[in-house]
Amino acid sequence: MNAKQVLLMQLDACHDQNTWFVSLINSINGLTEEQATWKPNEATNSISEIIHHLIYYNQRHLNRLNGVDNEESTGESTFLNREGLSWEETIMRIDQLMADWKKAVEEADEANLNNWTDSIAHLTIHTTYHAGQILYIRKLQGSWDPQAGVKG
């Protein structure tokens, strides 16, 4: 198995294929906007805020991979809904962004991919870390169906 195949497996697992852990899309599947914006307290982020944080970083790094990142850090929170998306649009946006990552890796030449292997590996870890947070929040609010979990 080569690096591209491993990275594609990681992207699939963190995006939409439950493996040893619940994927990002499965962690938000079936959530209402009310559930997505719920917080157990003001010191924590909501599920919606976490997804917007992932949109910000995953898009920024995909732009860098494609050589088009010209965004400067403004110091604003990365957890903001910068695009003014509804919850349904947010789900579609993160789903498409993760699909775009897979396509970029599939189409990358070996030299370009070798330059980005560590960043892509960190991106998948970052995404699954936040999927775990989402599951914890859903369990706190009672909106998680344990039957939707990992494949045995």
C-alpha atoms as a PDB file:
ATOM      1  CA  MET A   1       0.000   0.000   0.000  1.00  0.00           C
ATOM      2  CA  ASN A   2       1.424   3.378  -0.959  1.00  0.00           C
ATOM      3  CA  ALA A   3       1.049   6.761   0.778  1.00  0.00           C
ATOM      4  CA  LYS A   4      -1.797   7.876  -1.487  1.00  0.00           C
ATOM      5  CA  GLN A   5      -3.824   4.762  -0.676  1.00  0.00           C
ATOM      6  CA  VAL A   6      -3.254   5.210   3.059  1.00  0.00           C
ATOM      7  CA  LEU A   7      -4.250   8.875   2.950  1.00  0.00           C
ATOM      8  CA  LEU A   8      -7.383   8.058   0.950  1.00  0.00           C
ATOM      9  CA  MET A   9      -8.315   5.379   3.506  1.00  0.00           C
ATOM     10  CA  GLN A  10      -7.838   7.916   6.303  1.00  0.00           C
ATOM     11  CA  LEU A  11      -9.915  10.533   4.468  1.00  0.00           C
ATOM     12  CA  ASP A  12     -12.695   7.996   3.848  1.00  0.00           C
ATOM     13  CA  ALA A  13     -12.693   6.933   7.493  1.00  0.00           C
ATOM     14  CA  CYS A  14     -12.784  10.424   8.939  1.00  0.00           C
ATOM     15  CA  HIS A  15     -15.285  11.681   6.339  1.00  0.00           C
ATOM     16  CA  ASP A  16     -18.066   9.160   5.927  1.00  0.00           C
ATOM     17  CA  GLN A  17     -17.063   5.550   6.578  1.00  0.00           C
ATOM     18  CA  ASN A  18     -17.328   4.315  10.148  1.00  0.00           C
ATOM     19  CA  THR A  19     -14.342   2.107  10.953  1.00  0.00           C
ATOM     20  CA  TRP A  20     -12.723   1.938  14.388  1.00  0.00           C
ATOM     21  CA  PHE A  21     -14.409   5.265  15.117  1.00  0.00           C
ATOM     22  CA  VAL A  22     -17.485   7.175  13.990  1.00  0.00           C
ATOM     23  CA  SER A  23     -16.892   9.315  10.910  1.00  0.00           C
ATOM     24  CA  LEU A  24     -17.565  13.056  10.846  1.00  0.00           C
ATOM     25  CA  ILE A  25     -20.650  12.865   8.631  1.00  0.00           C
ATOM     26  CA  ASN A  26     -22.113  10.043  10.703  1.00  0.00           C
ATOM     27  CA  SER A  27     -21.434  12.032  13.890  1.00  0.00           C
ATOM     28  CA  ILE A  28     -23.714  14.855  12.654  1.00  0.00           C
ATOM     29  CA  ASN A  29     -26.241  12.749  10.769  1.00  0.00           C
ATOM     30  CA  GLY A  30     -29.814  13.461  11.835  1.00  0.00           C
ATOM     31  CA  LEU A  31     -29.042  16.521  13.953  1.00  0.00           C
ATOM     32  CA  THR A  32     -31.495  19.397  13.960  1.00  0.00           C
ATOM     33  CA  GLU A  33     -30.267  22.976  13.944  1.00  0.00           C
ATOM     34  CA  GLU A  34     -31.400  23.297  17.550  1.00  0.00           C
ATOM     35  CA  GLN A  35     -29.324  20.269  18.553  1.00  0.00           C
ATOM     36  CA  ALA A  36     -26.344  21.518  16.521  1.00  0.00           C
ATOM     37  CA  THR A  37     -26.310  24.890  18.281  1.00  0.00           C
ATOM     38  CA  TRP A  38     -26.866  23.503  21.792  1.00  0.00           C
ATOM     39  CA  LYS A  39     -24.103  23.997  24.384  1.00  0.00           C
ATOM     40  CA  PRO A  40     -23.883  22.403  27.818  1.00  0.00           C
ATOM     41  CA  ASN A  41     -22.384  25.709  29.007  1.00  0.00           C
ATOM     42  CA  GLU A  42     -20.889  28.894  27.567  1.00  0.00           C
ATOM     43  CA  ALA A  43     -17.302  27.664  27.997  1.00  0.00           C
ATOM     44  CA  THR A  44     -17.765  25.021  25.294  1.00  0.00           C
ATOM     45  CA  ASN A  45     -18.365  25.091  21.562  1.00  0.00           C
ATOM     46  CA  SER A  46     -21.534  23.834  19.953  1.00  0.00           C
ATOM     47  CA  ILE A  47     -21.502  21.139  17.277  1.00  0.00           C
ATOM     48  CA  SER A  48     -22.253  23.813  14.694  1.00  0.00           C
ATOM     49  CA  GLU A  49     -19.274  25.876  15.851  1.00  0.00           C
ATOM     50  CA  ILE A  50     -17.021  22.808  15.664  1.00  0.00           C
ATOM     51  CA  ILE A  51     -18.140  22.104  12.098  1.00  0.00           C
ATOM     52  CA  HIS A  52     -17.480  25.731  11.105  1.00  0.00           C
ATOM     53  CA  HIS A  53     -14.015  25.418  12.647  1.00  0.00           C
ATOM     54  CA  LEU A  54     -13.399  22.322  10.493  1.00  0.00           C
ATOM     55  CA  ILE A  55     -14.699  24.129   7.408  1.00  0.00           C
ATOM     56  CA  TYR A  56     -12.282  27.002   8.081  1.00  0.00           C
ATOM     57  CA  TYR A  57      -9.169  24.863   8.530  1.00  0.00           C
ATOM     58  CA  ASN A  58      -9.919  22.160   5.991  1.00  0.00           C
ATOM     59  CA  GLN A  59     -10.701  24.746   3.304  1.00  0.00           C
ATOM     60  CA  ARG A  60      -7.656  26.842   4.152  1.00  0.00           C
ATOM     61  CA  HIS A  61      -5.330  23.848   3.883  1.00  0.00           C
ATOM     62  CA  LEU A  62      -6.994  22.608   0.695  1.00  0.00           C
ATOM     63  CA  ASN A  63      -6.430  26.078  -0.760  1.00  0.00           C
ATOM     64  CA  ARG A  64      -2.765  25.846   0.213  1.00  0.00           C
ATOM     65  CA  LEU A  65      -2.485  22.428  -1.398  1.00  0.00           C
ATOM     66  CA  ASN A  66      -3.944  23.922  -4.572  1.00  0.00           C
ATOM     67  CA  GLY A  67      -1.619  26.939  -4.357  1.00  0.00           C
ATOM     68  CA  VAL A  68      -4.397  29.509  -3.896  1.00  0.00           C
ATOM     69  CA  ASP A  69      -4.222  30.392  -0.196  1.00  0.00           C
ATOM     70  CA  ASN A  70      -3.953  34.130   0.163  1.00  0.00           C
ATOM     71  CA  GLU A  71      -5.952  34.473   3.361  1.00  0.00           C
ATOM     72  CA  GLU A  72      -4.312  36.215   6.255  1.00  0.00           C
ATOM     73  CA  SER A  73      -5.274  35.381   9.781  1.00  0.00           C
ATOM     74  CA  THR A  74      -7.589  38.053  11.177  1.00  0.00           C
ATOM     75  CA  GLY A  75      -7.442  36.866  14.759  1.00  0.00           C
ATOM     76  CA  GLU A  76     -11.181  36.079  14.612  1.00  0.00           C
ATOM     77  CA  SER A  77     -12.404  32.850  16.084  1.00  0.00           C
ATOM     78  CA  THR A  78     -12.259  29.968  13.639  1.00  0.00           C
ATOM     79  CA  PHE A  79     -15.498  28.655  15.159  1.00  0.00           C
ATOM     80  CA  LEU A  80     -17.667  31.375  13.576  1.00  0.00           C
ATOM     81  CA  ASN A  81     -20.179  30.800  10.789  1.00  0.00           C
ATOM     82  CA  ARG A  82     -18.239  33.061   8.401  1.00  0.00           C
ATOM     83  CA  GLU A  83     -20.371  32.153   5.386  1.00  0.00           C
ATOM     84  CA  GLY A  84     -23.755  32.659   7.102  1.00  0.00           C
ATOM     85  CA  LEU A  85     -24.826  29.099   6.306  1.00  0.00           C
ATOM     86  CA  SER A  86     -27.950  27.400   7.594  1.00  0.00           C
ATOM     87  CA  TRP A  87     -27.367  24.103   9.412  1.00  0.00           C
ATOM     88  CA  GLU A  88     -28.418  22.144   6.323  1.00  0.00           C
ATOM     89  CA  GLU A  89     -26.035  24.183   4.162  1.00  0.00           C
ATOM     90  CA  THR A  90     -23.290  23.654   6.745  1.00  0.00           C
ATOM     91  CA  ILE A  91     -23.688  19.876   6.506  1.00  0.00           C
ATOM     92  CA  MET A  92     -23.559  20.032   2.706  1.00  0.00           C
ATOM     93  CA  ARG A  93     -20.522  22.344   2.846  1.00  0.00           C
ATOM     94  CA  ILE A  94     -18.417  20.095   5.108  1.00  0.00           C
ATOM     95  CA  ASP A  95     -19.481  16.995   3.170  1.00  0.00           C
ATOM     96  CA  GLN A  96     -18.423  18.580  -0.134  1.00  0.00           C
ATOM     97  CA  LEU A  97     -15.189  19.890   1.365  1.00  0.00           C
ATOM     98  CA  MET A  98     -14.206  16.429   2.567  1.00  0.00           C
ATOM     99  CA  ALA A  99     -15.062  15.011  -0.880  1.00  0.00           C
ATOM    100  CA  ASP A 100     -12.884  17.750  -2.418  1.00  0.00           C
ATOM    101  CA  TRP A 101      -9.995  16.616  -0.204  1.00  0.00           C
ATOM    102  CA  LYS A 102     -10.357  13.046  -1.435  1.00  0.00           C
ATOM    103  CA  LYS A 103     -10.446  14.214  -5.040  1.00  0.00           C
ATOM    104  CA  ALA A 104      -7.336  16.375  -4.520  1.00  0.00           C
ATOM    105  CA  VAL A 105      -5.419  13.426  -3.079  1.00  0.00           C
ATOM    106  CA  GLU A 106      -6.617  11.089  -5.827  1.00  0.00           C
ATOM    107  CA  GLU A 107      -5.437  13.546  -8.497  1.00  0.00           C
ATOM    108  CA  ALA A 108      -2.168  14.596  -6.816  1.00  0.00           C
ATOM    109  CA  ASP A 109       1.110  13.631  -8.401  1.00  0.00           C
ATOM    110  CA  GLU A 110       3.621  11.812  -6.229  1.00  0.00           C
ATOM    111  CA  ALA A 111       5.914  14.805  -5.644  1.00  0.00           C
ATOM    112  CA  ASN A 112       3.062  17.091  -4.598  1.00  0.00           C
ATOM    113  CA  LEU A 113       1.531  14.409  -2.418  1.00  0.00           C
ATOM    114  CA  ASN A 114       4.862  13.729  -0.686  1.00  0.00           C
ATOM    115  CA  ASN A 115       5.079  17.421   0.219  1.00  0.00           C
ATOM    116  CA  TRP A 116       1.619  17.276   1.785  1.00  0.00           C
ATOM    117  CA  THR A 117       1.530  13.837   3.412  1.00  0.00           C
ATOM    118  CA  ASP A 118       2.145  15.092   6.945  1.00  0.00           C
ATOM    119  CA  SER A 119      -0.401  17.918   6.614  1.00  0.00           C
ATOM    120  CA  ILE A 120      -3.064  15.567   5.272  1.00  0.00           C
ATOM    121  CA  ALA A 121      -2.381  13.062   8.042  1.00  0.00           C
ATOM    122  CA  HIS A 122      -2.746  15.847  10.634  1.00  0.00           C
ATOM    123  CA  LEU A 123      -5.933  17.069   8.949  1.00  0.00           C
ATOM    124  CA  THR A 124      -7.527  13.630   9.292  1.00  0.00           C
ATOM    125  CA  ILE A 125      -6.499  13.392  12.947  1.00  0.00           C
ATOM    126  CA  HIS A 126      -7.857  16.905  13.589  1.00  0.00           C
ATOM    127  CA  THR A 127     -11.156  16.031  11.919  1.00  0.00           C
ATOM    128  CA  THR A 128     -11.627  12.801  13.856  1.00  0.00           C
ATOM    129  CA  TYR A 129     -10.677  14.514  17.124  1.00  0.00           C
ATOM    130  CA  HIS A 130     -13.556  16.931  16.588  1.00  0.00           C
ATOM    131  CA  ALA A 131     -15.910  14.120  15.513  1.00  0.00           C
ATOM    132  CA  GLY A 132     -15.224  12.620  18.947  1.00  0.00           C
ATOM    133  CA  GLN A 133     -16.123  15.925  20.594  1.00  0.00           C
ATOM    134  CA  ILE A 134     -19.342  15.985  18.597  1.00  0.00           C
ATOM    135  CA  LEU A 135     -20.254  12.503  19.824  1.00  0.00           C
ATOM    136  CA  TYR A 136     -19.587  13.545  23.405  1.00  0.00           C
ATOM    137  CA  ILE A 137     -21.846  16.586  23.023  1.00  0.00           C
ATOM    138  CA  ARG A 138     -24.564  14.435  21.427  1.00  0.00           C
ATOM    139  CA  LYS A 139     -24.338  11.974  24.313  1.00  0.00           C
ATOM    140  CA  LEU A 140     -24.667  14.844  26.812  1.00  0.00           C
ATOM    141  CA  GLN A 141     -27.795  16.114  25.056  1.00  0.00           C
ATOM    142  CA  GLY A 142     -29.224  12.617  24.547  1.00  0.00           C
ATOM    143  CA  SER A 143     -29.300  12.839  20.732  1.00  0.00           C
ATOM    144  CA  TRP A 144     -26.840  10.048  19.932  1.00  0.00           C
ATOM    145  CA  ASP A 145     -28.113   6.648  18.821  1.00  0.00           C
ATOM    146  CA  PRO A 146     -25.525   4.067  19.958  1.00  0.00           C
ATOM    147  CA  GLN A 147     -26.628   1.817  17.074  1.00  0.00           C
ATOM    148  CA  ALA A 148     -25.069   4.382  14.687  1.00  0.00           C
ATOM    149  CA  GLY A 149     -21.589   3.658  16.063  1.00  0.00           C
ATOM    150  CA  VAL A 150     -18.550   1.909  14.686  1.00  0.00           C
ATOM    151  CA  LYS A 151     -18.533  -1.256  12.668  1.00  0.00           C
ATOM    152  CA  GLY A 152     -17.377  -4.305  14.569  1.00  0.00           C
END
